[in-house]
Structure formats: structure tokens, C-alpha cells
Amino acid sequence: MILFVFEGNEREPRLYRTLERLYFPRENDNIICSFGNNIYDLYNELLAYGEGGDIVSLMRERLADAGDATLDGIRSSDISEIFLFFDYDFQNSQLSLEEINRRVREMLTWFDDETGNGKLYINYPMIESIRYTRELPDADYINYVVSREECKDFKHMARDFSAYNSLDHLLFKDGEVPTKEKYIKVKDNWSYLKQMNVAKAHWLITGENSLPVNKSMVNQLSIFDGQVSHFVTPKSMVAILNSFPIFIYEYMK
């Protein structure tokens, strides 16, 4: 049983449900739930939970308090793998940039193993980065960056920049039985995004715009360190990057 914890309760689950249909076996018993707040709130709640606390227990209590029975009766030992997807959101005005980076780095260090505490994936600057492309495949994707100030309006920026009027090029609607043509088109688009995001992540880490020799070279902590050293600290910017295609690349054998 695999647990997916998303920051948001709308866009991330919709994207995941399409990925599930494309890449996971039909008999899977994956569980998805949404935290409903940003990674900095998750950080605070984990600290408040104290030593011995884990993400399954925290989410079970949090959901139960909200009347959501998704994790009722589920123990940590029932879960074989845990994946978390959150946004960098470095436009957060309540924290200094140094504090933001300290917390994210600490979270990435803690959540670095899907079979242990869980594995955390970060979107730069947020989930809407999935839309920030011209028509796929987009050879210029490696060049796309956004400033901390611009991130305050990044949702609109991504919508206006995108070659697509919606996310239909990446999504199956709930209950939809896609034509063979649409199924192939959606899967091709995710394959393009996987190539683009993994190559860009590799470039952030090594300076090479290519797929790495082995998957371990493109890990979340190294990506974060690359963002901080090349863009965040010297320029108050981030290279636009989405974690879902990188997850597909890492998870699929």
C-alpha cells in the first residue's frame, strides 16, 4: 500500500489520478490525501508532533479532525511507501529566505526514503509549473526561470505563458474512457515533460542538459542545492521545475 500526500486538494490529485492510469497497475491500492497547507506549516506540525511522530499518524489525526475517514484504521506499518508533493513557494513573506531554505533542506533530509519516513518532492516554484511550457516538447524549457517577486502571480503567469488553454493535454477526466488517440497523446506529453524536467534537474546539478547516467544523480536534495546555489541565493530566482515528471522517472523501473 502506497500513501501519497499532496499539498493541495484539487490540482495535485487530478494529475495523480491520470498518472495512476498511465503508470500504475490496475490492482494497486494506493491512498491519496491532501495536507491542505504549505510545506512550512507541515514543518511546524511535525515539530509540534514531537519525536516518534510520523506522517501517517499526523495525517490520520489531521484528516479525522476534518471529518475525513481516508486513513481511519490505517497504521504506519500498513504503508510500504510514502511520497509527499509540496511547493517551494519561496515568495512566502512570513519567513526570511534563509529560514525558508533551512526548513526545506531539513524536510528534504528527513523525507529522503519512501520506505522510511517518506520521500518528499518539491515543485519550483509551485504545482502550476506543470503548465509553464510552450507546445510540447519544448526545447526552451531549460531556460525558464522566475523571480521571487514574480512568484506572487505565478499561477496567472503559467496560464498566460502556456501553449495550452487548460490541462486537458495532461489529464483524463474522472470516469473518462479516452480514445486510443487521446491516451497516446496524453502519455506522449508526460513523456516529454519527464525528459524536459529530468534533463533540467540534471543540468542544475551537473551543468549537463541531458538525462543522467543513473537515476540517483537526480535526487531532490541535490536539485534543491542546485537551485539555491545557482538561482535562489545569487539572483532571488528559481529554475521552473515540476516534481511529477521527475517522480515518474525515478519510480518507474
Protein backbone atom coordinates (compact mmCIF):
# COMPACT_ATOMS: atom_id res chain seq x y z
CA MET A 1 0.00 0.00 0.00
CA ILE A 2 1.42 3.37 -1.09
CA LEU A 3 0.48 6.68 0.52
CA PHE A 4 0.57 9.90 -1.48
CA VAL A 5 0.37 13.16 0.47
CA PHE A 6 -0.29 16.28 -1.59
CA GLU A 7 -0.15 19.90 -0.55
CA GLY A 8 -3.34 20.84 -2.40
CA ASN A 9 -6.66 19.08 -2.66
CA GLU A 10 -7.53 19.81 -6.27
CA ARG A 11 -4.81 20.02 -8.92
CA GLU A 12 -2.33 17.51 -7.49
CA PRO A 13 -4.91 14.71 -7.01
CA ARG A 14 -6.23 15.27 -10.55
CA LEU A 15 -2.75 14.98 -12.02
CA TYR A 16 -2.00 11.94 -9.89
CA ARG A 17 -5.17 10.11 -10.98
CA THR A 18 -4.06 10.41 -14.60
CA LEU A 19 -0.55 9.21 -13.75
CA GLU A 20 -2.10 6.29 -11.91
CA ARG A 21 -3.99 5.27 -15.04
CA LEU A 22 -0.89 5.64 -17.18
CA TYR A 23 1.76 4.08 -14.99
CA PHE A 24 0.35 2.07 -12.10
CA PRO A 25 -1.19 -1.40 -12.32
CA ARG A 26 -4.96 -1.56 -12.12
CA GLU A 27 -4.89 -3.65 -8.95
CA ASN A 28 -2.97 -1.04 -6.94
CA ASP A 29 -4.38 0.03 -3.57
CA ASN A 30 -2.74 3.43 -3.33
CA ILE A 31 -4.12 6.01 -0.91
CA ILE A 32 -4.11 9.72 -1.64
CA CYS A 33 -4.78 12.57 0.76
CA SER A 34 -4.16 16.30 0.94
CA PHE A 35 -2.45 18.24 3.71
CA GLY A 36 -4.20 21.44 2.70
CA ASN A 37 -1.40 23.84 3.68
CA ASN A 38 2.15 24.59 2.61
CA ILE A 39 5.38 22.81 3.47
CA TYR A 40 6.23 25.37 6.16
CA ASP A 41 3.02 24.53 8.01
CA LEU A 42 3.84 20.84 7.67
CA TYR A 43 7.26 21.57 9.15
CA ASN A 44 5.66 23.28 12.16
CA GLU A 45 3.15 20.47 12.70
CA LEU A 46 5.85 17.82 12.59
CA LEU A 47 7.85 19.75 15.20
CA ALA A 48 4.77 20.09 17.39
CA TYR A 49 4.04 16.39 17.00
CA GLY A 50 7.35 15.63 18.70
CA GLU A 51 9.79 12.78 18.40
CA GLY A 52 8.30 9.50 17.35
CA GLY A 53 5.66 11.24 15.27
CA ASP A 54 5.31 10.13 11.67
CA ILE A 55 3.49 11.44 8.64
CA VAL A 56 0.89 8.65 8.65
CA SER A 57 -0.16 9.34 12.24
CA LEU A 58 -0.10 13.10 11.69
CA MET A 59 -2.25 12.86 8.56
CA ARG A 60 -4.64 10.34 10.11
CA GLU A 61 -5.35 12.68 13.03
CA ARG A 62 -5.49 15.76 10.82
CA LEU A 63 -7.97 14.16 8.41
CA ALA A 64 -10.08 12.71 11.22
CA ASP A 65 -10.38 16.16 12.79
CA ALA A 66 -11.74 17.40 9.46
CA GLY A 67 -14.24 14.54 9.22
CA ASP A 68 -12.22 12.71 6.55
CA ALA A 69 -12.03 8.94 7.11
CA THR A 70 -9.42 8.25 4.39
CA LEU A 71 -6.82 6.97 6.86
CA ASP A 72 -9.11 5.57 9.53
CA GLY A 73 -7.70 2.25 10.70
CA ILE A 74 -4.52 2.67 8.66
CA ARG A 75 -1.32 2.21 10.66
CA SER A 76 2.18 3.22 9.64
CA SER A 77 3.05 -0.47 9.34
CA ASP A 78 0.33 -0.88 6.69
CA ILE A 79 2.10 1.54 4.35
CA SER A 80 5.00 0.26 2.24
CA GLU A 81 5.94 3.56 0.59
CA ILE A 82 5.16 7.24 1.24
CA PHE A 83 5.51 10.08 -1.26
CA LEU A 84 4.91 13.74 -0.47
CA PHE A 85 4.49 16.54 -3.05
CA PHE A 86 4.80 20.16 -1.92
CA ASP A 87 5.64 23.56 -3.40
CA TYR A 88 8.78 25.58 -2.74
CA ASP A 89 6.66 28.78 -2.52
CA PHE A 90 9.66 30.95 -1.73
CA GLN A 91 7.53 34.07 -2.10
CA ASN A 92 6.27 33.33 1.45
CA SER A 93 6.53 36.73 3.15
CA GLN A 94 6.23 35.42 6.71
CA LEU A 95 9.69 33.83 6.61
CA SER A 96 13.10 35.07 5.55
CA LEU A 97 14.66 33.41 2.52
CA GLU A 98 17.32 31.91 4.77
CA GLU A 99 14.66 30.40 7.05
CA ILE A 100 12.69 29.08 4.09
CA ASN A 101 15.77 27.33 2.75
CA ARG A 102 16.73 25.96 6.15
CA ARG A 103 13.31 24.40 6.63
CA VAL A 104 13.08 22.95 3.13
CA ARG A 105 16.54 21.44 3.40
CA GLU A 106 15.68 19.93 6.77
CA MET A 107 12.48 18.45 5.35
CA LEU A 108 14.29 17.01 2.33
CA THR A 109 16.86 15.46 4.64
CA TRP A 110 14.15 13.93 6.84
CA PHE A 111 11.91 12.76 3.98
CA ASP A 112 14.54 11.10 1.80
CA ASP A 113 13.38 7.48 1.72
CA GLU A 114 9.94 6.34 0.55
CA THR A 115 10.20 3.12 2.58
CA GLY A 116 11.15 5.01 5.76
CA ASN A 117 9.86 8.43 6.79
CA GLY A 118 8.70 9.10 3.25
CA LYS A 119 10.12 10.79 0.17
CA LEU A 120 9.48 14.48 -0.45
CA TYR A 121 9.24 16.01 -3.93
CA ILE A 122 9.35 19.78 -4.42
CA ASN A 123 7.75 21.86 -7.20
CA TYR A 124 9.60 25.04 -8.17
CA PRO A 125 8.06 27.44 -7.51
CA MET A 126 4.71 25.59 -7.24
CA ILE A 127 2.49 22.93 -8.83
CA GLU A 128 1.47 25.33 -11.63
CA SER A 129 4.96 24.83 -13.10
CA ILE A 130 3.38 21.83 -14.87
CA ARG A 131 1.69 24.35 -17.20
CA TYR A 132 4.70 26.55 -17.88
CA THR A 133 5.62 25.31 -21.37
CA ARG A 134 5.12 26.14 -24.98
CA GLU A 135 3.86 23.33 -27.19
CA LEU A 136 5.39 20.03 -26.12
CA PRO A 137 8.16 19.08 -26.50
CA ASP A 138 9.55 22.49 -25.52
CA ALA A 139 13.27 22.79 -26.32
CA ASP A 140 13.49 26.10 -24.43
CA TYR A 141 12.25 24.66 -21.13
CA ILE A 142 15.74 24.64 -19.64
CA ASN A 143 15.84 28.45 -19.85
CA TYR A 144 12.64 29.18 -17.92
CA VAL A 145 13.17 30.86 -14.57
CA VAL A 146 11.01 33.04 -12.34
CA SER A 147 11.88 35.66 -9.73
CA ARG A 148 10.71 35.60 -6.14
CA GLU A 149 8.63 38.72 -6.79
CA GLU A 150 7.01 37.22 -9.90
CA CYS A 151 6.04 34.11 -7.93
CA LYS A 152 3.31 36.11 -6.22
CA ASP A 153 1.42 35.93 -9.52
CA PHE A 154 2.87 32.71 -10.90
CA LYS A 155 -0.48 30.96 -11.34
CA HIS A 156 -1.57 33.62 -13.82
CA MET A 157 1.88 33.73 -15.40
CA ALA A 158 1.79 29.99 -16.06
CA ARG A 159 -1.72 30.18 -17.50
CA ASP A 160 -0.83 33.07 -19.82
CA PHE A 161 2.51 31.59 -20.89
CA SER A 162 1.24 28.09 -21.64
CA ALA A 163 0.58 26.95 -25.17
CA TYR A 164 -2.47 25.12 -23.78
CA ASN A 165 -5.74 26.67 -22.63
CA SER A 166 -6.23 24.01 -19.94
CA LEU A 167 -4.63 20.87 -18.55
CA ASP A 168 -6.57 18.61 -20.92
CA HIS A 169 -3.33 17.74 -22.72
CA LEU A 170 -2.16 16.07 -19.48
CA LEU A 171 -5.38 14.81 -17.90
CA PHE A 172 -8.09 12.23 -18.20
CA LYS A 173 -11.30 13.44 -16.63
CA ASP A 174 -12.70 11.30 -13.82
CA GLY A 175 -14.69 8.48 -15.38
CA GLU A 176 -13.47 9.31 -18.88
CA VAL A 177 -12.81 6.46 -21.28
CA PRO A 178 -10.26 8.10 -23.57
CA THR A 179 -9.93 7.25 -27.21
CA LYS A 180 -6.74 5.47 -28.18
CA GLU A 181 -5.57 8.69 -29.84
CA LYS A 182 -6.07 10.75 -26.68
CA TYR A 183 -4.48 8.10 -24.45
CA ILE A 184 -1.35 8.07 -26.62
CA LYS A 185 -1.27 11.88 -26.81
CA VAL A 186 -1.52 12.33 -23.03
CA LYS A 187 1.13 9.69 -22.39
CA ASP A 188 3.41 11.27 -25.00
CA ASN A 189 3.03 14.65 -23.32
CA TRP A 190 4.00 13.20 -19.95
CA SER A 191 7.00 11.54 -21.60
CA TYR A 192 8.07 14.91 -22.99
CA LEU A 193 7.67 16.51 -19.56
CA LYS A 194 9.68 13.72 -17.98
CA GLN A 195 12.54 14.22 -20.44
CA MET A 196 12.46 18.02 -20.04
CA ASN A 197 12.28 18.13 -16.25
CA VAL A 198 14.82 15.38 -15.61
CA ALA A 199 17.31 16.92 -18.06
CA LYS A 200 16.81 20.34 -16.46
CA ALA A 201 17.28 18.90 -12.98
CA HIS A 202 20.46 17.17 -14.16
CA TRP A 203 21.66 20.50 -15.57
CA LEU A 204 21.02 22.21 -12.21
CA ILE A 205 23.17 19.60 -10.50
CA THR A 206 25.95 18.99 -13.02
CA GLY A 207 25.67 21.64 -15.74
CA GLU A 208 24.76 18.99 -18.33
CA ASN A 209 21.44 19.33 -20.16
CA SER A 210 20.84 15.61 -20.60
CA LEU A 211 19.43 12.58 -18.88
CA PRO A 212 21.81 11.32 -16.18
CA VAL A 213 23.78 8.11 -16.45
CA ASN A 214 21.96 6.77 -13.39
CA LYS A 215 18.82 7.89 -11.60
CA SER A 216 20.47 8.50 -8.25
CA MET A 217 22.24 11.56 -9.69
CA VAL A 218 18.94 13.43 -9.87
CA ASN A 219 17.71 13.48 -6.29
CA GLN A 220 15.59 16.08 -4.54
CA LEU A 221 18.27 17.35 -2.16
CA SER A 222 20.79 17.83 -4.98
CA ILE A 223 18.15 19.64 -7.05
CA PHE A 224 17.40 21.93 -4.12
CA ASP A 225 21.09 22.65 -3.52
CA GLY A 226 21.47 23.44 -7.24
CA GLN A 227 18.51 25.83 -7.14
CA VAL A 228 19.88 27.61 -4.07
CA SER A 229 23.45 27.94 -5.32
CA HIS A 230 22.67 28.92 -8.92
CA PHE A 231 19.47 30.92 -8.63
CA VAL A 232 17.93 31.46 -5.20
CA THR A 233 20.87 32.96 -3.32
CA PRO A 234 22.61 34.95 -6.07
CA LYS A 235 19.54 36.02 -8.07
CA SER A 236 16.44 35.52 -5.88
CA MET A 237 15.05 33.31 -8.64
CA VAL A 238 14.29 29.64 -9.26
CA ALA A 239 14.50 27.49 -12.35
CA ILE A 240 10.97 26.36 -13.14
CA LEU A 241 10.69 22.64 -12.43
CA ASN A 242 7.86 20.20 -11.72
CA SER A 243 8.22 17.18 -9.49
CA PHE A 244 5.60 14.85 -11.01
CA PRO A 245 7.62 14.04 -14.17
CA ILE A 246 10.72 13.52 -12.03
CA PHE A 247 8.76 11.17 -9.78
CA ILE A 248 7.67 9.14 -12.82
CA TYR A 249 11.29 8.92 -13.99
CA GLU A 250 12.54 7.78 -10.58
CA TYR A 251 9.72 5.43 -9.70
CA MET A 252 9.18 3.58 -12.96
CA LYS A 253 11.65 0.76 -13.41
